[in-house]
PDB file of N, CA and C in Angstrom:
ATOM      1  N   UNK A   1     114.783 131.794 114.680  1.00  0.00           N
ATOM      2  CA  UNK A   1     113.755 130.777 114.770  1.00  0.00           C
ATOM      3  C   UNK A   1     113.808 130.172 116.164  1.00  0.00           C
ATOM      4  N   UNK A   2     112.641 129.874 116.684  1.00  0.00           N
ATOM      5  CA  UNK A   2     112.549 129.241 117.991  1.00  0.00           C
ATOM      6  C   UNK A   2     111.575 128.078 117.905  1.00  0.00           C
ATOM      7  N   UNK A   3     111.886 127.043 118.638  1.00  0.00           N
ATOM      8  CA  UNK A   3     111.027 125.861 118.692  1.00  0.00           C
ATOM      9  C   UNK A   3     110.460 125.775 120.098  1.00  0.00           C
ATOM     10  N   UNK A   4     109.138 125.622 120.194  1.00  0.00           N
ATOM     11  CA  UNK A   4     108.506 125.487 121.492  1.00  0.00           C
ATOM     12  C   UNK A   4     107.361 124.499 121.373  1.00  0.00           C
ATOM     13  N   UNK A   5     106.916 123.967 122.495  1.00  0.00           N
ATOM     14  CA  UNK A   5     105.821 122.986 122.452  1.00  0.00           C
ATOM     15  C   UNK A   5     104.556 123.603 121.861  1.00  0.00           C
ATOM     16  N   UNK A   6     103.938 122.911 120.924  1.00  0.00           N
ATOM     17  CA  UNK A   6     102.747 123.437 120.271  1.00  0.00           C
ATOM     18  C   UNK A   6     101.587 123.611 121.246  1.00  0.00           C
ATOM     19  N   UNK A   7     101.523 122.756 122.248  1.00  0.00           N
ATOM     20  CA  UNK A   7     100.421 122.843 123.209  1.00  0.00           C
ATOM     21  C   UNK A   7     100.461 124.171 123.958  1.00  0.00           C
ATOM     22  N   UNK A   8     101.652 124.689 124.188  1.00  0.00           N
ATOM     23  CA  UNK A   8     101.781 125.962 124.907  1.00  0.00           C
ATOM     24  C   UNK A   8     101.159 127.107 124.102  1.00  0.00           C
ATOM     25  N   UNK A   9     101.490 127.178 122.814  1.00  0.00           N
ATOM     26  CA  UNK A   9     100.925 128.221 121.960  1.00  0.00           C
ATOM     27  C   UNK A   9      99.424 128.002 121.757  1.00  0.00           C
ATOM     28  N   UNK A  10      99.003 126.764 121.623  1.00  0.00           N
ATOM     29  CA  UNK A  10      97.588 126.452 121.429  1.00  0.00           C
ATOM     30  C   UNK A  10      96.765 126.856 122.661  1.00  0.00           C
ATOM     31  N   UNK A  11      97.290 126.560 123.839  1.00  0.00           N
ATOM     32  CA  UNK A  11      96.593 126.937 125.068  1.00  0.00           C
ATOM     33  C   UNK A  11      96.495 128.451 125.195  1.00  0.00           C
ATOM     34  N   UNK A  12      97.561 129.148 124.831  1.00  0.00           N
ATOM     35  CA  UNK A  12      97.551 130.606 124.863  1.00  0.00           C
ATOM     36  C   UNK A  12      96.476 131.149 123.926  1.00  0.00           C
ATOM     37  N   UNK A  13      96.418 130.600 122.714  1.00  0.00           N
ATOM     38  CA  UNK A  13      95.445 131.062 121.728  1.00  0.00           C
ATOM     39  C   UNK A  13      94.014 130.823 122.208  1.00  0.00           C
ATOM     40  N   UNK A  14      93.758 129.654 122.780  1.00  0.00           N
ATOM     41  CA  UNK A  14      92.413 129.351 123.267  1.00  0.00           C
ATOM     42  C   UNK A  14      92.015 130.288 124.403  1.00  0.00           C
ATOM     43  N   UNK A  15      92.970 130.622 125.252  1.00  0.00           N
ATOM     44  CA  UNK A  15      92.659 131.512 126.368  1.00  0.00           C
ATOM     45  C   UNK A  15      92.357 132.929 125.898  1.00  0.00           C
ATOM     46  N   UNK A  16      92.879 133.299 124.733  1.00  0.00           N
ATOM     47  CA  UNK A  16      92.684 134.657 124.230  1.00  0.00           C
ATOM     48  C   UNK A  16      91.434 134.804 123.371  1.00  0.00           C
ATOM     49  N   UNK A  17      91.110 133.830 122.553  1.00  0.00           N
ATOM     50  CA  UNK A  17      90.064 134.039 121.558  1.00  0.00           C
ATOM     51  C   UNK A  17      89.171 132.841 121.316  1.00  0.00           C
ATOM     52  N   UNK A  18      89.257 131.867 122.105  1.00  0.00           N
ATOM     53  CA  UNK A  18      88.427 130.703 121.846  1.00  0.00           C
ATOM     54  C   UNK A  18      89.053 129.805 120.800  1.00  0.00           C
ATOM     55  N   UNK A  19      88.319 129.564 119.707  1.00  0.00           N
ATOM     56  CA  UNK A  19      88.800 128.574 118.755  1.00  0.00           C
ATOM     57  C   UNK A  19      88.678 129.055 117.306  1.00  0.00           C
ATOM     58  N   UNK A  20      89.067 130.295 117.014  1.00  0.00           N
ATOM     59  CA  UNK A  20      89.068 130.786 115.632  1.00  0.00           C
ATOM     60  C   UNK A  20      90.101 130.020 114.828  1.00  0.00           C
ATOM     61  N   UNK A  21      89.785 129.680 113.601  1.00  0.00           N
ATOM     62  CA  UNK A  21      90.706 128.878 112.789  1.00  0.00           C
ATOM     63  C   UNK A  21      90.937 129.527 111.431  1.00  0.00           C
ATOM     64  N   UNK A  22      91.495 130.728 111.409  1.00  0.00           N
ATOM     65  CA  UNK A  22      91.876 131.341 110.148  1.00  0.00           C
ATOM     66  C   UNK A  22      93.372 131.605 110.173  1.00  0.00           C
ATOM     67  N   UNK A  23      93.979 131.624 109.016  1.00  0.00           N
ATOM     68  CA  UNK A  23      95.423 131.850 108.947  1.00  0.00           C
ATOM     69  C   UNK A  23      95.792 133.212 109.515  1.00  0.00           C
ATOM     70  N   UNK A  24      94.978 134.207 109.203  1.00  0.00           N
ATOM     71  CA  UNK A  24      95.277 135.566 109.688  1.00  0.00           C
ATOM     72  C   UNK A  24      95.209 135.619 111.215  1.00  0.00           C
ATOM     73  N   UNK A  25      94.177 135.011 111.791  1.00  0.00           N
ATOM     74  CA  UNK A  25      94.040 135.005 113.253  1.00  0.00           C
ATOM     75  C   UNK A  25      95.169 134.206 113.897  1.00  0.00           C
ATOM     76  N   UNK A  26      95.525 133.069 113.302  1.00  0.00           N
ATOM     77  CA  UNK A  26      96.623 132.260 113.844  1.00  0.00           C
ATOM     78  C   UNK A  26      97.948 133.020 113.785  1.00  0.00           C
ATOM     79  N   UNK A  27      98.214 133.691 112.685  1.00  0.00           N
ATOM     80  CA  UNK A  27      99.465 134.443 112.551  1.00  0.00           C
ATOM     81  C   UNK A  27      99.523 135.562 113.581  1.00  0.00           C
ATOM     82  N   UNK A  28      98.406 136.258 113.751  1.00  0.00           N
ATOM     83  CA  UNK A  28      98.377 137.339 114.732  1.00  0.00           C
ATOM     84  C   UNK A  28      98.600 136.787 116.136  1.00  0.00           C
ATOM     85  N   UNK A  29      97.948 135.658 116.433  1.00  0.00           N
ATOM     86  CA  UNK A  29      98.057 135.073 117.773  1.00  0.00           C
ATOM     87  C   UNK A  29      99.470 134.598 118.059  1.00  0.00           C
ATOM     88  N   UNK A  30     100.121 133.992 117.077  1.00  0.00           N
ATOM     89  CA  UNK A  30     101.501 133.549 117.283  1.00  0.00           C
ATOM     90  C   UNK A  30     102.441 134.739 117.488  1.00  0.00           C
ATOM     91  N   UNK A  31     102.209 135.812 116.750  1.00  0.00           N
ATOM     92  CA  UNK A  31     103.027 137.019 116.923  1.00  0.00           C
ATOM     93  C   UNK A  31     102.806 137.616 118.313  1.00  0.00           C
ATOM     94  N   UNK A  32     101.556 137.647 118.752  1.00  0.00           N
ATOM     95  CA  UNK A  32     101.248 138.177 120.079  1.00  0.00           C
ATOM     96  C   UNK A  32     101.825 137.280 121.170  1.00  0.00           C
ATOM     97  N   UNK A  33     101.771 135.974 120.959  1.00  0.00           N
ATOM     98  CA  UNK A  33     102.368 135.031 121.906  1.00  0.00           C
ATOM     99  C   UNK A  33     103.872 135.289 122.033  1.00  0.00           C
ATOM    100  N   UNK A  34     104.549 135.472 120.902  1.00  0.00           N
ATOM    101  CA  UNK A  34     105.996 135.734 120.916  1.00  0.00           C
ATOM    102  C   UNK A  34     106.305 137.051 121.616  1.00  0.00           C
ATOM    103  N   UNK A  35     105.408 138.027 121.481  1.00  0.00           N
ATOM    104  CA  UNK A  35     105.594 139.315 122.144  1.00  0.00           C
ATOM    105  C   UNK A  35     105.438 139.153 123.661  1.00  0.00           C
ATOM    106  N   UNK A  36     104.426 138.402 124.077  1.00  0.00           N
ATOM    107  CA  UNK A  36     104.143 138.227 125.508  1.00  0.00           C
ATOM    108  C   UNK A  36     105.129 137.290 126.200  1.00  0.00           C
ATOM    109  N   UNK A  37     105.586 136.277 125.496  1.00  0.00           N
ATOM    110  CA  UNK A  37     106.473 135.263 126.075  1.00  0.00           C
ATOM    111  C   UNK A  37     107.708 135.092 125.194  1.00  0.00           C
ATOM    112  N   UNK A  38     108.663 136.007 125.306  1.00  0.00           N
ATOM    113  CA  UNK A  38     109.855 135.873 124.454  1.00  0.00           C
ATOM    114  C   UNK A  38     110.610 134.582 124.778  1.00  0.00           C
ATOM    115  N   UNK A  39     111.070 133.916 123.745  1.00  0.00           N
ATOM    116  CA  UNK A  39     111.849 132.683 123.906  1.00  0.00           C
ATOM    117  C   UNK A  39     113.197 132.867 123.216  1.00  0.00           C
ATOM    118  N   UNK A  40     114.161 132.134 123.678  1.00  0.00           N
ATOM    119  CA  UNK A  40     115.491 132.201 123.079  1.00  0.00           C
ATOM    120  C   UNK A  40     115.469 131.501 121.725  1.00  0.00           C
ATOM    121  N   UNK A  41     116.168 132.068 120.750  1.00  0.00           N
ATOM    122  CA  UNK A  41     116.245 131.391 119.443  1.00  0.00           C
ATOM    123  C   UNK A  41     116.897 130.019 119.587  1.00  0.00           C
ATOM    124  N   UNK A  42     116.426 129.091 118.794  1.00  0.00           N
ATOM    125  CA  UNK A  42     116.981 127.746 118.786  1.00  0.00           C
ATOM    126  C   UNK A  42     118.206 127.731 117.881  1.00  0.00           C
ATOM    127  N   UNK A  43     119.283 127.136 118.368  1.00  0.00           N
ATOM    128  CA  UNK A  43     120.512 127.067 117.577  1.00  0.00           C
ATOM    129  C   UNK A  43     120.297 126.168 116.361  1.00  0.00           C
ATOM    130  N   UNK A  44     120.904 126.528 115.227  1.00  0.00           N
ATOM    131  CA  UNK A  44     120.771 125.657 114.052  1.00  0.00           C
ATOM    132  C   UNK A  44     121.476 124.322 114.290  1.00  0.00           C
ATOM    133  N   UNK A  45     121.107 123.337 113.508  1.00  0.00           N
ATOM    134  CA  UNK A  45     121.707 122.014 113.646  1.00  0.00           C
ATOM    135  C   UNK A  45     123.198 122.071 113.327  1.00  0.00           C
ATOM    136  N   UNK A  46     123.966 121.301 114.090  1.00  0.00           N
ATOM    137  CA  UNK A  46     125.384 121.157 113.772  1.00  0.00           C
ATOM    138  C   UNK A  46     125.496 120.284 112.524  1.00  0.00           C
ATOM    139  N   UNK A  47     126.652 120.292 111.857  1.00  0.00           N
ATOM    140  CA  UNK A  47     126.808 119.432 110.673  1.00  0.00           C
ATOM    141  C   UNK A  47     126.547 117.955 110.978  1.00  0.00           C
ATOM    142  N   UNK A  48     126.940 117.506 112.161  1.00  0.00           N
ATOM    143  CA  UNK A  48     126.723 116.102 112.530  1.00  0.00           C
ATOM    144  C   UNK A  48     125.227 115.833 112.689  1.00  0.00           C
ATOM    145  N   UNK A  49     124.500 116.754 113.342  1.00  0.00           N
ATOM    146  CA  UNK A  49     123.061 116.579 113.512  1.00  0.00           C
ATOM    147  C   UNK A  49     122.345 116.603 112.165  1.00  0.00           C
ATOM    148  N   UNK A  50     122.780 117.491 111.282  1.00  0.00           N
ATOM    149  CA  UNK A  50     122.167 117.566 109.954  1.00  0.00           C
ATOM    150  C   UNK A  50     122.390 116.274 109.179  1.00  0.00           C
ATOM    151  N   UNK A  51     123.594 115.714 109.274  1.00  0.00           N
ATOM    152  CA  UNK A  51     123.886 114.455 108.588  1.00  0.00           C
ATOM    153  C   UNK A  51     123.054 113.307 109.162  1.00  0.00           C
ATOM    154  N   UNK A  52     122.935 113.258 110.496  1.00  0.00           N
ATOM    155  CA  UNK A  52     122.124 112.213 111.120  1.00  0.00           C
ATOM    156  C   UNK A  52     120.653 112.338 110.714  1.00  0.00           C
ATOM    157  N   UNK A  53     120.154 113.557 110.634  1.00  0.00           N
ATOM    158  CA  UNK A  53     118.773 113.767 110.219  1.00  0.00           C
ATOM    159  C   UNK A  53     118.565 113.272 108.790  1.00  0.00           C
ATOM    160  N   UNK A  54     119.522 113.563 107.914  1.00  0.00           N
ATOM    161  CA  UNK A  54     119.429 113.106 106.524  1.00  0.00           C
ATOM    162  C   UNK A  54     119.492 111.586 106.442  1.00  0.00           C
ATOM    163  N   UNK A  55     120.412 110.977 107.195  1.00  0.00           N
ATOM    164  CA  UNK A  55     120.528 109.517 107.190  1.00  0.00           C
ATOM    165  C   UNK A  55     119.258 108.869 107.733  1.00  0.00           C
ATOM    166  N   UNK A  56     118.681 109.451 108.774  1.00  0.00           N
ATOM    167  CA  UNK A  56     117.456 108.903 109.348  1.00  0.00           C
ATOM    168  C   UNK A  56     116.319 108.964 108.335  1.00  0.00           C
ATOM    169  N   UNK A  57     116.246 110.078 107.608  1.00  0.00           N
ATOM    170  CA  UNK A  57     115.205 110.223 106.589  1.00  0.00           C
ATOM    171  C   UNK A  57     115.384 109.190 105.478  1.00  0.00           C
ATOM    172  N   UNK A  58     116.614 108.854 105.144  1.00  0.00           N
ATOM    173  CA  UNK A  58     116.866 107.845 104.115  1.00  0.00           C
ATOM    174  C   UNK A  58     116.621 106.443 104.654  1.00  0.00           C
ATOM    175  N   UNK A  59     116.760 106.248 105.968  1.00  0.00           N
ATOM    176  CA  UNK A  59     116.587 104.936 106.584  1.00  0.00           C
ATOM    177  C   UNK A  59     115.115 104.516 106.609  1.00  0.00           C
ATOM    178  N   UNK A  60     114.224 105.467 106.865  1.00  0.00           N
ATOM    179  CA  UNK A  60     112.804 105.150 107.020  1.00  0.00           C
ATOM    180  C   UNK A  60     112.216 104.389 105.833  1.00  0.00           C
ATOM    181  N   UNK A  61     112.402 104.855 104.580  1.00  0.00           N
ATOM    182  CA  UNK A  61     111.831 104.072 103.469  1.00  0.00           C
ATOM    183  C   UNK A  61     112.482 102.703 103.325  1.00  0.00           C
ATOM    184  N   UNK A  62     113.754 102.598 103.677  1.00  0.00           N
ATOM    185  CA  UNK A  62     114.419 101.291 103.595  1.00  0.00           C
ATOM    186  C   UNK A  62     113.833 100.312 104.604  1.00  0.00           C
ATOM    187  N   UNK A  63     113.543 100.793 105.801  1.00  0.00           N
ATOM    188  CA  UNK A  63     112.943  99.929 106.822  1.00  0.00           C
ATOM    189  C   UNK A  63     111.561  99.470 106.373  1.00  0.00           C
ATOM    190  N   UNK A  64     110.768 100.393 105.802  1.00  0.00           N
ATOM    191  CA  UNK A  64     109.438 100.011 105.304  1.00  0.00           C
ATOM    192  C   UNK A  64     109.540  98.997 104.169  1.00  0.00           C
ATOM    193  N   UNK A  65     110.506  99.203 103.264  1.00  0.00           N
ATOM    194  CA  UNK A  65     110.684  98.270 102.148  1.00  0.00           C
ATOM    195  C   UNK A  65     111.105  96.898 102.650  1.00  0.00           C
ATOM    196  N   UNK A  66     111.998  96.857 103.631  1.00  0.00           N
ATOM    197  CA  UNK A  66     112.444  95.582 104.196  1.00  0.00           C
ATOM    198  C   UNK A  66     111.282  94.850 104.849  1.00  0.00           C
ATOM    199  N   UNK A  67     110.477  95.583 105.593  1.00  0.00           N
ATOM    200  CA  UNK A  67     109.321  94.974 106.251  1.00  0.00           C
ATOM    201  C   UNK A  67     108.343  94.410 105.216  1.00  0.00           C
ATOM    202  N   UNK A  68     108.107  95.178 104.171  1.00  0.00           N
ATOM    203  CA  UNK A  68     107.211  94.739 103.109  1.00  0.00           C
ATOM    204  C   UNK A  68     107.764  93.500 102.401  1.00  0.00           C
ATOM    205  N   UNK A  69     109.052  93.498 102.132  1.00  0.00           N
ATOM    206  CA  UNK A  69     109.676  92.358 101.450  1.00  0.00           C
ATOM    207  C   UNK A  69     109.619  91.104 102.313  1.00  0.00           C
ATOM    208  N   UNK A  70     109.829  91.254 103.619  1.00  0.00           N
ATOM    209  CA  UNK A  70     109.734  90.102 104.523  1.00  0.00           C
ATOM    210  C   UNK A  70     108.323  89.524 104.509  1.00  0.00           C
ATOM    211  N   UNK A  71     107.314  90.399 104.526  1.00  0.00           N
ATOM    212  CA  UNK A  71     105.924  89.927 104.475  1.00  0.00           C
ATOM    213  C   UNK A  71     105.648  89.221 103.163  1.00  0.00           C
ATOM    214  N   UNK A  72     106.175  89.785 102.064  1.00  0.00           N
ATOM    215  CA  UNK A  72     105.950  89.178 100.753  1.00  0.00           C
ATOM    216  C   UNK A  72     106.567  87.790 100.695  1.00  0.00           C
ATOM    217  N   UNK A  73     107.779  87.651 101.206  1.00  0.00           N
ATOM    218  CA  UNK A  73     108.446  86.356 101.175  1.00  0.00           C
ATOM    219  C   UNK A  73     107.773  85.347 102.094  1.00  0.00           C
ATOM    220  N   UNK A  74     107.278  85.786 103.226  1.00  0.00           N
ATOM    221  CA  UNK A  74     106.589  84.876 104.139  1.00  0.00           C
ATOM    222  C   UNK A  74     105.288  84.375 103.524  1.00  0.00           C
ATOM    223  N   UNK A  75     104.667  85.165 102.687  1.00  0.00           N
ATOM    224  CA  UNK A  75     103.419  84.759 102.054  1.00  0.00           C
ATOM    225  C   UNK A  75     103.614  83.647 101.049  1.00  0.00           C
ATOM    226  N   UNK A  76     104.821  83.509 100.481  1.00  0.00           N
ATOM    227  CA  UNK A  76     105.061  82.495  99.471  1.00  0.00           C
ATOM    228  C   UNK A  76     105.726  81.248 100.014  1.00  0.00           C
ATOM    229  N   UNK A  77     106.064  81.231 101.267  1.00  0.00           N
ATOM    230  CA  UNK A  77     106.733  80.082 101.877  1.00  0.00           C
ATOM    231  C   UNK A  77     105.709  78.985 102.143  1.00  0.00           C
ATOM    232  N   UNK A  78     106.144  77.754 102.135  1.00  0.00           N
ATOM    233  CA  UNK A  78     105.278  76.602 102.369  1.00  0.00           C
ATOM    234  C   UNK A  78     104.521  76.792 103.672  1.00  0.00           C
ATOM    235  N   UNK A  79     103.218  76.840 103.571  1.00  0.00           N
ATOM    236  CA  UNK A  79     102.380  76.987 104.753  1.00  0.00           C
ATOM    237  C   UNK A  79     102.174  75.603 105.356  1.00  0.00           C
ATOM    238  N   UNK A  80     102.268  75.523 106.651  1.00  0.00           N
ATOM    239  CA  UNK A  80     102.178  74.240 107.344  1.00  0.00           C
ATOM    240  C   UNK A  80     100.875  73.528 107.005  1.00  0.00           C
ATOM    241  N   UNK A  81     100.984  72.413 106.279  1.00  0.00           N
ATOM    242  CA  UNK A  81      99.834  71.587 105.965  1.00  0.00           C
ATOM    243  C   UNK A  81      99.005  72.077 104.793  1.00  0.00           C
ATOM    244  N   UNK A  82      99.285  73.258 104.246  1.00  0.00           N
ATOM    245  CA  UNK A  82      98.443  73.793 103.173  1.00  0.00           C
ATOM    246  C   UNK A  82      98.963  73.403 101.802  1.00  0.00           C
ATOM    247  N   UNK A  83     100.237  73.031 101.679  1.00  0.00           N
ATOM    248  CA  UNK A  83     100.799  72.619 100.406  1.00  0.00           C
ATOM    249  C   UNK A  83     101.059  73.772  99.459  1.00  0.00           C
ATOM    250  N   UNK A  84     101.265  74.975  99.983  1.00  0.00           N
ATOM    251  CA  UNK A  84     101.521  76.146  99.152  1.00  0.00           C
ATOM    252  C   UNK A  84     103.020  76.316  98.991  1.00  0.00           C
ATOM    253  N   UNK A  85     103.470  76.406  97.733  1.00  0.00           N
ATOM    254  CA  UNK A  85     104.885  76.611  97.443  1.00  0.00           C
ATOM    255  C   UNK A  85     104.993  77.880  96.628  1.00  0.00           C
ATOM    256  N   UNK A  86     105.881  78.781  97.052  1.00  0.00           N
ATOM    257  CA  UNK A  86     106.042  80.038  96.345  1.00  0.00           C
ATOM    258  C   UNK A  86     107.035  79.926  95.208  1.00  0.00           C
ATOM    259  N   UNK A  87     107.080  80.948  94.349  1.00  0.00           N
ATOM    260  CA  UNK A  87     108.004  80.973  93.217  1.00  0.00           C
ATOM    261  C   UNK A  87     109.446  80.969  93.692  1.00  0.00           C
ATOM    262  N   UNK A  88     109.697  81.587  94.836  1.00  0.00           N
ATOM    263  CA  UNK A  88     111.051  81.621  95.388  1.00  0.00           C
ATOM    264  C   UNK A  88     111.526  80.197  95.701  1.00  0.00           C
ATOM    265  N   UNK A  89     110.657  79.393  96.308  1.00  0.00           N
ATOM    266  CA  UNK A  89     111.014  78.015  96.653  1.00  0.00           C
ATOM    267  C   UNK A  89     111.238  77.184  95.405  1.00  0.00           C
ATOM    268  N   UNK A  90     110.461  77.430  94.375  1.00  0.00           N
ATOM    269  CA  UNK A  90     110.596  76.702  93.127  1.00  0.00           C
ATOM    270  C   UNK A  90     111.951  77.005  92.488  1.00  0.00           C
ATOM    271  N   UNK A  91     112.351  78.264  92.515  1.00  0.00           N
ATOM    272  CA  UNK A  91     113.635  78.658  91.936  1.00  0.00           C
ATOM    273  C   UNK A  91     114.786  78.041  92.712  1.00  0.00           C
ATOM    274  N   UNK A  92     114.654  77.971  94.017  1.00  0.00           N
ATOM    275  CA  UNK A  92     115.703  77.384  94.852  1.00  0.00           C
ATOM    276  C   UNK A  92     115.825  75.889  94.551  1.00  0.00           C
ATOM    277  N   UNK A  93     114.699  75.243  94.269  1.00  0.00           N
ATOM    278  CA  UNK A  93     114.694  73.811  93.980  1.00  0.00           C
ATOM    279  C   UNK A  93     115.162  73.534  92.548  1.00  0.00           C
ATOM    280  N   UNK A  94     115.616  74.542  91.841  1.00  0.00           N
ATOM    281  CA  UNK A  94     116.112  74.346  90.488  1.00  0.00           C
ATOM    282  C   UNK A  94     115.002  74.255  89.461  1.00  0.00           C
ATOM    283  N   UNK A  95     113.858  74.858  89.763  1.00  0.00           N
ATOM    284  CA  UNK A  95     112.758  74.857  88.816  1.00  0.00           C
ATOM    285  C   UNK A  95     112.014  73.541  88.740  1.00  0.00           C
ATOM    286  N   UNK A  96     112.235  72.663  89.671  1.00  0.00           N
ATOM    287  CA  UNK A  96     111.621  71.338  89.642  1.00  0.00           C
ATOM    288  C   UNK A  96     110.384  71.339  90.543  1.00  0.00           C
ATOM    289  N   UNK A  97     109.428  72.161  90.236  1.00  0.00           N
ATOM    290  CA  UNK A  97     108.216  72.241  91.040  1.00  0.00           C
ATOM    291  C   UNK A  97     107.096  71.457  90.381  1.00  0.00           C
ATOM    292  N   UNK A  98     106.246  70.897  91.205  1.00  0.00           N
ATOM    293  CA  UNK A  98     105.068  70.214  90.702  1.00  0.00           C
ATOM    294  C   UNK A  98     103.928  71.198  90.612  1.00  0.00           C
ATOM    295  N   UNK A  99     103.128  71.065  89.613  1.00  0.00           N
ATOM    296  CA  UNK A  99     101.942  71.940  89.475  1.00  0.00           C
ATOM    297  C   UNK A  99     100.747  71.261  90.038  1.00  0.00           C
TER     298      UNK A  99
END
């Protein structure tokens, strides 16, 4: 397996045939590109790189959830001058909220 910039293969394909968009034509063009411009195979990920990739993939949903939770909590906090009190604030006050 080899990894190369997609723009390079795309430019090659456009120079050869214009803008055909079929799977068969794309497969043929990529094979012809590999024949014309041989590239060195890309080394597989080391165990450390594989672990980091997995951890990063697990981190992304956590970051989105944290961001969402922060927005949710900010929406229920007392708005300056508006008199809005969220359920979180009521619970902190020991349930002694005015309706």
